[in-house]
């Protein structure tokens, strides 16, 4: 649901001024993604965060378009230079111990601002069990590693596996029912959702999308897994993009299929993550992977074929807080795909879809950060990637500013 945004330079100036004023005040603010949820106690929480970045690359990074992989065919966002990487303004309201609500508006670069969250939550506790029902626009629960990768992350780039699976991020309208239990040793979570499914890998004519997430935490370890099934009808991918415009939705397949390949069928998403967050050492390590399987019919104006495509990717990262206000991290990624087409028009459709340029993709990055306060992070990153046989290198200097303020009800 895009909304009309302020001019980029004006919205950026407002965010910087707002954050600067709050950072100089005597209030204590929460750190991290807690501001995305409603507060634990009745009251109102306001938060804002922004990432400003300067990215220098030897060429337009090949991960922008992801040639050889079936996405939407647009060239992505050219993030080279200095600008607003991502900004979010949000509010969470705890009405009472049962009811809560939150809304968040975000902006990426010069894109229009968009609603990232707008939901109402009902929560009840029975003995050791917490039961949740959340309705509205939200990120489906996938576990913290998969959900937050690329979203104001420690690293500058969305992981390749997530880029191919959900086109950077999965935000959808729907219902999600959750259960939590905190035992003496184990913490359990289960979430079942039903989603509108009109975001990638769905399309404007998709059926409702079911999802299931399970998670368990034991000591320093967290393990999560999920499954979702999309049924897109007419999910388009641009063969050539003359406008250079980035889009958050798949092109619409019309009767002419002009400069578009069109997919009808099913897209199944699965993913898993394992995180080790040591309580004895200042070290965090994560291993995560996504898989997207497309099965159905792929057609263009010049042919039609039965299509099965598997996209599998994973990444691993380690972060070490070697000083109280400094950390270093490394991330390595790999991505693979297979495309199988059968039918009279298979060869031509495969060529138009760009499958001839496919090669396994990889990326590696080294990050060093200085953390002067809970509200400000300065990160430098150097990385390289290889997609479709094109090698790209980049450096990134990023500043993340965050604040969170809570007004307790009755004061």
Protein backbone atom coordinates (compact mmCIF):
# COMPACT_ATOMS: atom_id res chain seq x y z
CA UNK A 1 0.00 0.00 0.00
CA UNK A 2 2.31 2.79 -1.18
CA UNK A 3 1.57 6.27 0.11
CA UNK A 4 2.74 9.62 -1.16
CA UNK A 5 6.07 10.42 0.46
CA UNK A 6 7.95 13.55 1.33
CA UNK A 7 10.77 14.53 -0.99
CA UNK A 8 13.74 12.28 -0.05
CA UNK A 9 16.04 15.09 1.04
CA UNK A 10 13.29 16.62 3.18
CA UNK A 11 12.30 13.36 4.89
CA UNK A 12 15.98 12.58 5.50
CA UNK A 13 16.54 15.97 7.12
CA UNK A 14 13.52 15.51 9.39
CA UNK A 15 14.72 12.08 10.53
CA UNK A 16 18.24 13.32 11.26
CA UNK A 17 17.00 16.34 13.21
CA UNK A 18 14.54 14.25 15.18
CA UNK A 19 17.11 11.61 16.03
CA UNK A 20 19.76 14.19 16.94
CA UNK A 21 17.43 15.93 19.36
CA UNK A 22 16.45 12.71 21.06
CA UNK A 23 20.02 11.46 21.29
CA UNK A 24 21.00 14.64 23.13
CA UNK A 25 18.19 14.30 25.69
CA UNK A 26 18.42 12.54 29.04
CA UNK A 27 15.89 9.80 28.21
CA UNK A 28 16.88 6.12 28.06
CA UNK A 29 15.84 4.42 24.85
CA UNK A 30 15.41 0.78 23.92
CA UNK A 31 17.81 -0.79 21.43
CA UNK A 32 17.10 -3.05 18.46
CA UNK A 33 13.82 -4.22 17.00
CA UNK A 34 11.77 -4.03 20.23
CA UNK A 35 10.05 -0.88 18.96
CA UNK A 36 8.34 -2.92 16.24
CA UNK A 37 6.19 -4.64 18.89
CA UNK A 38 3.67 -3.21 21.31
CA UNK A 39 5.06 -2.38 24.77
CA UNK A 40 4.71 -4.90 27.58
CA UNK A 41 2.92 -2.42 29.88
CA UNK A 42 -0.12 -0.28 29.00
CA UNK A 43 1.01 2.86 27.24
CA UNK A 44 2.32 4.27 23.97
CA UNK A 45 5.72 3.61 22.41
CA UNK A 46 7.10 5.82 19.64
CA UNK A 47 10.19 4.91 17.70
CA UNK A 48 12.19 5.83 14.63
CA UNK A 49 15.28 4.44 12.97
CA UNK A 50 17.26 5.36 9.90
CA UNK A 51 20.26 3.98 8.05
CA UNK A 52 22.37 6.41 6.02
CA UNK A 53 24.91 4.80 3.74
CA UNK A 54 27.67 5.56 1.29
CA UNK A 55 28.37 2.64 -1.05
CA UNK A 56 31.22 2.60 -3.52
CA UNK A 57 31.20 -0.20 -6.12
CA UNK A 58 33.23 -0.89 -9.23
CA UNK A 59 29.98 -1.43 -11.18
CA UNK A 60 26.25 -1.83 -10.65
CA UNK A 61 26.29 -4.89 -8.43
CA UNK A 62 25.12 -8.02 -10.27
CA UNK A 63 22.87 -8.95 -7.33
CA UNK A 64 20.61 -6.02 -8.30
CA UNK A 65 19.13 -7.86 -11.27
CA UNK A 66 20.01 -11.47 -10.34
CA UNK A 67 20.30 -12.64 -13.94
CA UNK A 68 19.67 -16.35 -14.39
CA UNK A 69 17.13 -16.49 -11.55
CA UNK A 70 13.37 -16.10 -12.03
CA UNK A 71 12.43 -12.93 -10.15
CA UNK A 72 10.60 -9.86 -11.50
CA UNK A 73 13.17 -8.79 -14.08
CA UNK A 74 13.59 -5.24 -12.74
CA UNK A 75 17.07 -3.84 -12.13
CA UNK A 76 16.65 -3.36 -8.37
CA UNK A 77 17.79 -0.30 -6.44
CA UNK A 78 21.15 1.20 -7.39
CA UNK A 79 22.51 2.01 -3.93
CA UNK A 80 25.84 3.42 -5.07
CA UNK A 81 26.62 6.84 -3.65
CA UNK A 82 25.32 8.50 -0.51
CA UNK A 83 21.69 8.36 0.53
CA UNK A 84 18.97 7.05 2.76
CA UNK A 85 19.20 3.26 2.82
CA UNK A 86 16.11 2.67 4.96
CA UNK A 87 14.03 4.62 7.47
CA UNK A 88 11.12 3.58 9.67
CA UNK A 89 8.82 5.59 11.92
CA UNK A 90 6.59 3.50 14.17
CA UNK A 91 4.16 3.55 17.07
CA UNK A 92 2.98 0.74 19.36
CA UNK A 93 0.05 0.98 21.77
CA UNK A 94 -0.65 -1.41 24.63
CA UNK A 95 -4.30 -0.83 25.53
CA UNK A 96 -4.44 -3.45 28.29
CA UNK A 97 -2.95 -6.86 28.99
CA UNK A 98 -5.03 -8.37 26.15
CA UNK A 99 -5.12 -5.79 23.35
CA UNK A 100 -2.36 -3.98 21.51
CA UNK A 101 -1.69 -2.40 18.12
CA UNK A 102 1.20 -1.06 16.07
CA UNK A 103 1.80 0.87 12.86
CA UNK A 104 5.08 1.46 11.02
CA UNK A 105 5.83 3.48 7.88
CA UNK A 106 9.08 2.90 6.02
CA UNK A 107 11.03 4.29 3.10
CA UNK A 108 13.87 2.87 1.00
CA UNK A 109 16.01 5.40 -0.83
CA UNK A 110 13.90 7.48 -3.20
CA UNK A 111 11.05 4.95 -3.31
CA UNK A 112 7.64 6.03 -2.11
CA UNK A 113 7.01 5.54 1.59
CA UNK A 114 5.04 2.42 2.40
CA UNK A 115 3.23 0.82 5.34
CA UNK A 116 5.46 -1.89 6.79
CA UNK A 117 3.18 -2.80 9.69
CA UNK A 118 -0.41 -2.04 10.70
CA UNK A 119 -1.85 -4.71 12.95
CA UNK A 120 -3.95 -5.42 16.03
CA UNK A 121 -2.98 -8.08 18.54
CA UNK A 122 -4.96 -10.08 21.10
CA UNK A 123 -2.87 -11.85 23.73
CA UNK A 124 -3.87 -14.11 26.61
CA UNK A 125 -1.86 -16.15 29.07
CA UNK A 126 -3.03 -19.45 30.52
CA UNK A 127 -0.53 -20.94 32.95
CA UNK A 128 2.83 -21.32 31.16
CA UNK A 129 1.28 -20.72 27.73
CA UNK A 130 0.98 -17.45 25.82
CA UNK A 131 -1.55 -17.29 22.96
CA UNK A 132 -1.42 -14.56 20.30
CA UNK A 133 -3.66 -13.54 17.44
CA UNK A 134 -2.35 -10.80 15.13
CA UNK A 135 -4.42 -9.36 12.28
CA UNK A 136 -3.22 -6.87 9.66
CA UNK A 137 -0.04 -6.00 7.77
CA UNK A 138 3.03 -7.66 9.28
CA UNK A 139 6.11 -9.75 8.66
CA UNK A 140 5.18 -13.43 8.90
CA UNK A 141 7.10 -15.09 11.71
CA UNK A 142 10.11 -16.96 10.31
CA UNK A 143 12.45 -16.74 13.28
CA UNK A 144 14.70 -13.76 14.07
CA UNK A 145 17.59 -14.73 11.76
CA UNK A 146 15.51 -15.12 8.59
CA UNK A 147 13.04 -12.32 9.37
CA UNK A 148 15.56 -9.60 10.15
CA UNK A 149 18.33 -10.45 7.66
CA UNK A 150 18.71 -7.41 5.41
CA UNK A 151 16.35 -5.28 7.53
CA UNK A 152 18.64 -2.67 9.15
CA UNK A 153 21.06 -5.53 9.49
CA UNK A 154 24.66 -5.56 10.66
CA UNK A 155 25.55 -6.21 7.02
CA UNK A 156 24.68 -3.88 4.16
CA UNK A 157 23.23 -6.32 1.62
CA UNK A 158 20.13 -8.49 1.72
CA UNK A 159 21.37 -12.11 1.63
CA UNK A 160 21.26 -13.58 -1.87
CA UNK A 161 19.06 -16.47 -0.70
CA UNK A 162 16.46 -14.09 0.73
CA UNK A 163 16.69 -11.86 -2.33
CA UNK A 164 15.70 -14.76 -4.60
CA UNK A 165 13.14 -16.31 -2.24
CA UNK A 166 10.99 -13.25 -1.45
CA UNK A 167 12.52 -10.39 -3.47
CA UNK A 168 14.27 -8.85 -0.42
CA UNK A 169 11.51 -8.98 2.22
CA UNK A 170 8.14 -10.55 2.97
CA UNK A 171 5.53 -8.13 4.29
CA UNK A 172 1.92 -9.21 3.84
CA UNK A 173 -1.67 -8.69 4.98
CA UNK A 174 -3.15 -11.54 6.94
CA UNK A 175 -3.84 -13.38 10.18
CA UNK A 176 -1.26 -15.09 12.37
CA UNK A 177 -2.01 -17.31 15.35
CA UNK A 178 0.85 -17.99 17.76
CA UNK A 179 1.69 -20.04 20.82
CA UNK A 180 4.62 -19.50 23.21
CA UNK A 181 5.81 -21.52 26.18
CA UNK A 182 8.81 -20.69 28.35
CA UNK A 183 9.98 -23.70 30.36
CA UNK A 184 12.90 -24.08 32.71
CA UNK A 185 15.21 -25.17 29.90
CA UNK A 186 13.29 -24.86 26.64
CA UNK A 187 11.39 -22.04 24.98
CA UNK A 188 8.89 -23.10 22.32
CA UNK A 189 7.07 -21.12 19.66
CA UNK A 190 4.58 -22.08 16.95
CA UNK A 191 2.95 -19.68 14.47
CA UNK A 192 0.32 -20.48 11.83
CA UNK A 193 -0.62 -17.78 9.31
CA UNK A 194 -2.94 -17.13 6.40
CA UNK A 195 -1.84 -14.37 4.01
CA UNK A 196 -3.14 -12.34 1.10
CA UNK A 197 -0.27 -13.58 -1.07
CA UNK A 198 -0.14 -10.74 -3.59
CA UNK A 199 3.55 -10.03 -2.91
CA UNK A 200 6.41 -11.96 -4.51
CA UNK A 201 6.56 -14.92 -5.05
CA UNK A 202 2.80 -14.45 -5.31
CA UNK A 203 0.95 -12.22 -7.75
CA UNK A 204 -2.17 -10.05 -7.91
CA UNK A 205 -4.32 -13.12 -8.62
CA UNK A 206 -2.80 -15.42 -5.99
CA UNK A 207 -4.81 -17.63 -3.68
CA UNK A 208 -4.50 -17.22 0.08
CA UNK A 209 -1.12 -18.37 1.40
CA UNK A 210 -0.80 -20.67 4.44
CA UNK A 211 2.38 -20.60 6.52
CA UNK A 212 3.75 -22.48 9.51
CA UNK A 213 6.71 -21.60 11.73
CA UNK A 214 8.18 -23.52 14.65
CA UNK A 215 11.03 -22.50 16.92
CA UNK A 216 12.86 -23.79 19.95
CA UNK A 217 15.50 -22.17 22.17
CA UNK A 218 17.81 -24.04 24.52
CA UNK A 219 20.52 -22.18 26.35
CA UNK A 220 22.70 -20.38 23.81
CA UNK A 221 20.99 -22.03 20.83
CA UNK A 222 17.96 -21.02 18.75
CA UNK A 223 16.53 -23.23 15.99
CA UNK A 224 13.72 -22.10 13.65
CA UNK A 225 12.00 -23.50 10.58
CA UNK A 226 9.06 -22.50 8.38
CA UNK A 227 7.00 -23.45 5.33
CA UNK A 228 4.66 -21.41 3.08
CA UNK A 229 2.87 -22.17 -0.19
CA UNK A 230 2.00 -19.52 -2.77
CA UNK A 231 -0.22 -20.18 -5.81
CA UNK A 232 0.45 -17.28 -8.20
CA UNK A 233 -1.72 -16.87 -11.27
CA UNK A 234 -0.02 -14.67 -13.83
CA UNK A 235 3.23 -13.70 -12.04
CA UNK A 236 5.16 -11.68 -14.57
CA UNK A 237 8.87 -11.13 -15.03
CA UNK A 238 10.15 -8.41 -17.35
CA UNK A 239 12.38 -9.68 -20.17
CA UNK A 240 14.00 -6.26 -20.63
CA UNK A 241 13.53 -3.14 -18.50
CA UNK A 242 13.97 0.04 -20.51
CA UNK A 243 12.84 2.36 -17.72
CA UNK A 244 15.30 1.13 -15.10
CA UNK A 245 12.51 1.34 -12.52
CA UNK A 246 12.50 -0.79 -9.39
CA UNK A 247 9.22 -2.41 -8.39
CA UNK A 248 7.99 -4.14 -5.22
CA UNK A 249 5.34 -6.12 -7.13
CA UNK A 250 5.48 -8.52 -10.06
CA UNK A 251 4.53 -7.16 -13.52
CA UNK A 252 0.97 -8.00 -14.50
CA UNK A 253 0.58 -10.59 -17.24
CA UNK A 254 -1.76 -9.30 -19.96
CA UNK A 255 -3.05 -11.05 -23.07
CA UNK A 256 -0.17 -9.78 -25.23
CA UNK A 257 2.62 -10.80 -22.82
CA UNK A 258 4.68 -7.95 -24.26
CA UNK A 259 8.28 -8.18 -22.99
CA UNK A 260 7.13 -10.47 -20.16
CA UNK A 261 7.44 -14.12 -19.24
CA UNK A 262 4.47 -15.28 -17.17
CA UNK A 263 4.34 -18.00 -14.50
CA UNK A 264 1.23 -19.90 -13.33
CA UNK A 265 1.51 -22.60 -10.71
CA UNK A 266 2.79 -23.05 -7.16
CA UNK A 267 5.75 -21.54 -5.30
CA UNK A 268 6.75 -23.29 -2.10
CA UNK A 269 9.02 -21.57 0.41
CA UNK A 270 10.95 -23.39 3.11
CA UNK A 271 13.64 -22.11 5.38
CA UNK A 272 15.59 -22.84 8.54
CA UNK A 273 18.07 -21.07 10.78
CA UNK A 274 20.35 -21.89 13.67
CA UNK A 275 21.80 -19.19 15.92
CA UNK A 276 24.37 -19.44 18.69
CA UNK A 277 24.38 -16.42 21.01
CA UNK A 278 26.98 -17.18 23.66
CA UNK A 279 26.34 -16.11 27.24
CA UNK A 280 30.00 -16.71 28.11
CA UNK A 281 31.75 -15.15 25.11
CA UNK A 282 30.98 -11.92 23.16
CA UNK A 283 30.30 -13.99 20.04
CA UNK A 284 27.18 -14.61 17.93
CA UNK A 285 27.06 -17.06 15.02
CA UNK A 286 24.23 -17.84 12.59
CA UNK A 287 23.55 -20.32 9.81
CA UNK A 288 20.45 -19.87 7.64
CA UNK A 289 18.99 -21.08 4.38
CA UNK A 290 16.03 -20.59 2.04
CA UNK A 291 14.57 -22.70 -0.72
CA UNK A 292 11.95 -21.67 -3.28
CA UNK A 293 10.47 -24.27 -5.62
CA UNK A 294 8.35 -23.14 -8.58
CA UNK A 295 6.28 -25.73 -10.45
CA UNK A 296 3.77 -24.89 -13.15
CA UNK A 297 3.67 -23.29 -16.59
CA UNK A 298 6.00 -20.59 -17.91
CA UNK A 299 5.05 -18.76 -21.09
CA UNK A 300 5.89 -15.76 -23.21
CA UNK A 301 4.45 -14.26 -26.38
CA UNK A 302 6.56 -16.73 -28.33
CA UNK A 303 6.18 -20.02 -26.46
CA UNK A 304 4.93 -22.05 -23.51
CA UNK A 305 6.56 -24.78 -21.40
CA UNK A 306 6.06 -26.83 -18.27
CA UNK A 307 8.50 -25.44 -15.72
CA UNK A 308 10.10 -26.58 -12.48
CA UNK A 309 12.64 -24.35 -10.80
CA UNK A 310 14.58 -24.85 -7.56
CA UNK A 311 16.37 -21.94 -5.88
CA UNK A 312 18.49 -22.85 -2.86
CA UNK A 313 20.72 -20.55 -0.88
CA UNK A 314 22.40 -20.25 2.50
CA UNK A 315 24.63 -17.96 4.47
CA UNK A 316 26.73 -18.10 7.62
CA UNK A 317 27.98 -15.23 9.71
CA UNK A 318 29.97 -14.69 12.89
CA UNK A 319 30.17 -11.47 14.93
CA UNK A 320 32.68 -10.85 17.71
CA UNK A 321 32.34 -7.93 20.17
CA UNK A 322 36.08 -7.58 20.81
CA UNK A 323 35.68 -4.30 22.74
CA UNK A 324 32.69 -2.93 24.68
CA UNK A 325 31.95 -0.50 21.82
CA UNK A 326 33.43 -2.30 18.82
CA UNK A 327 32.73 -5.49 16.91
CA UNK A 328 33.84 -7.29 13.79
CA UNK A 329 31.89 -9.74 11.65
CA UNK A 330 32.13 -11.87 8.54
CA UNK A 331 29.38 -13.30 6.32
CA UNK A 332 29.68 -15.82 3.47
CA UNK A 333 26.84 -16.75 1.09
CA UNK A 334 26.11 -19.23 -1.67
CA UNK A 335 23.13 -19.56 -4.02
CA UNK A 336 22.17 -22.23 -6.54
CA UNK A 337 19.28 -22.83 -8.95
CA UNK A 338 18.05 -25.38 -11.46
CA UNK A 339 15.58 -24.69 -14.27
CA UNK A 340 13.77 -27.54 -16.03
CA UNK A 341 11.47 -26.77 -18.98
CA UNK A 342 9.59 -29.22 -21.17
CA UNK A 343 7.41 -28.55 -24.22
CA UNK A 344 7.53 -27.29 -27.76
CA UNK A 345 8.48 -23.74 -26.73
CA UNK A 346 10.88 -24.67 -23.91
CA UNK A 347 14.09 -23.47 -25.57
CA UNK A 348 12.71 -20.08 -26.58
CA UNK A 349 11.03 -19.44 -23.22
CA UNK A 350 14.21 -20.38 -21.36
CA UNK A 351 16.18 -17.91 -23.49
CA UNK A 352 13.67 -15.11 -22.90
CA UNK A 353 13.65 -15.80 -19.15
CA UNK A 354 17.43 -15.37 -19.12
CA UNK A 355 18.20 -18.86 -17.84
CA UNK A 356 21.13 -19.11 -20.25
CA UNK A 357 23.08 -16.66 -18.06
CA UNK A 358 22.62 -18.75 -14.91
CA UNK A 359 25.64 -19.58 -12.78
CA UNK A 360 25.87 -20.28 -9.04
CA UNK A 361 26.17 -17.04 -7.07
CA UNK A 362 28.23 -16.18 -4.03
CA UNK A 363 29.14 -13.25 -1.81
CA UNK A 364 31.50 -12.61 1.10
CA UNK A 365 31.73 -9.57 3.35
CA UNK A 366 33.85 -8.30 6.24
CA UNK A 367 32.33 -5.75 8.62
CA UNK A 368 33.85 -3.58 11.39
CA UNK A 369 31.62 -1.48 13.66
CA UNK A 370 31.97 1.26 16.26
CA UNK A 371 29.01 1.57 18.63
CA UNK A 372 29.28 4.87 20.53
CA UNK A 373 25.84 4.46 22.15
CA UNK A 374 22.75 2.27 22.13
CA UNK A 375 21.27 4.70 19.62
CA UNK A 376 24.09 5.08 17.11
CA UNK A 377 26.08 2.53 15.12
CA UNK A 378 28.85 3.24 12.60
CA UNK A 379 29.76 0.33 10.32
CA UNK A 380 32.31 -0.17 7.57
CA UNK A 381 32.03 -3.13 5.23
CA UNK A 382 34.05 -4.52 2.36
CA UNK A 383 32.59 -7.22 0.17
CA UNK A 384 32.64 -9.00 -3.15
CA UNK A 385 30.05 -11.01 -5.05
CA UNK A 386 29.70 -13.06 -8.21
CA UNK A 387 26.33 -13.43 -9.96
CA UNK A 388 25.81 -14.73 -13.53
CA UNK A 389 29.57 -14.80 -13.94
CA UNK A 390 29.85 -11.06 -13.21
CA UNK A 391 32.25 -10.16 -10.40
CA UNK A 392 31.56 -7.05 -8.34
CA UNK A 393 33.26 -5.48 -5.33
CA UNK A 394 31.98 -2.82 -2.96
CA UNK A 395 32.71 -0.89 0.20
CA UNK A 396 30.01 0.54 2.45
CA UNK A 397 30.07 3.12 5.22
CA UNK A 398 26.78 3.11 7.15
CA UNK A 399 25.35 5.01 10.12
CA UNK A 400 22.31 3.66 11.95
CA UNK A 401 20.37 5.97 14.26
CA UNK A 402 17.57 4.65 16.49
CA UNK A 403 15.34 5.91 19.26
CA UNK A 404 12.46 4.54 21.29
CA UNK A 405 10.29 6.43 23.78
CA UNK A 406 7.54 5.07 26.06
CA UNK A 407 4.68 6.91 27.74
CA UNK A 408 3.07 4.83 30.45
CA UNK A 409 -0.74 5.05 30.67
CA UNK A 410 -2.06 6.99 33.65
CA UNK A 411 0.92 9.35 33.92
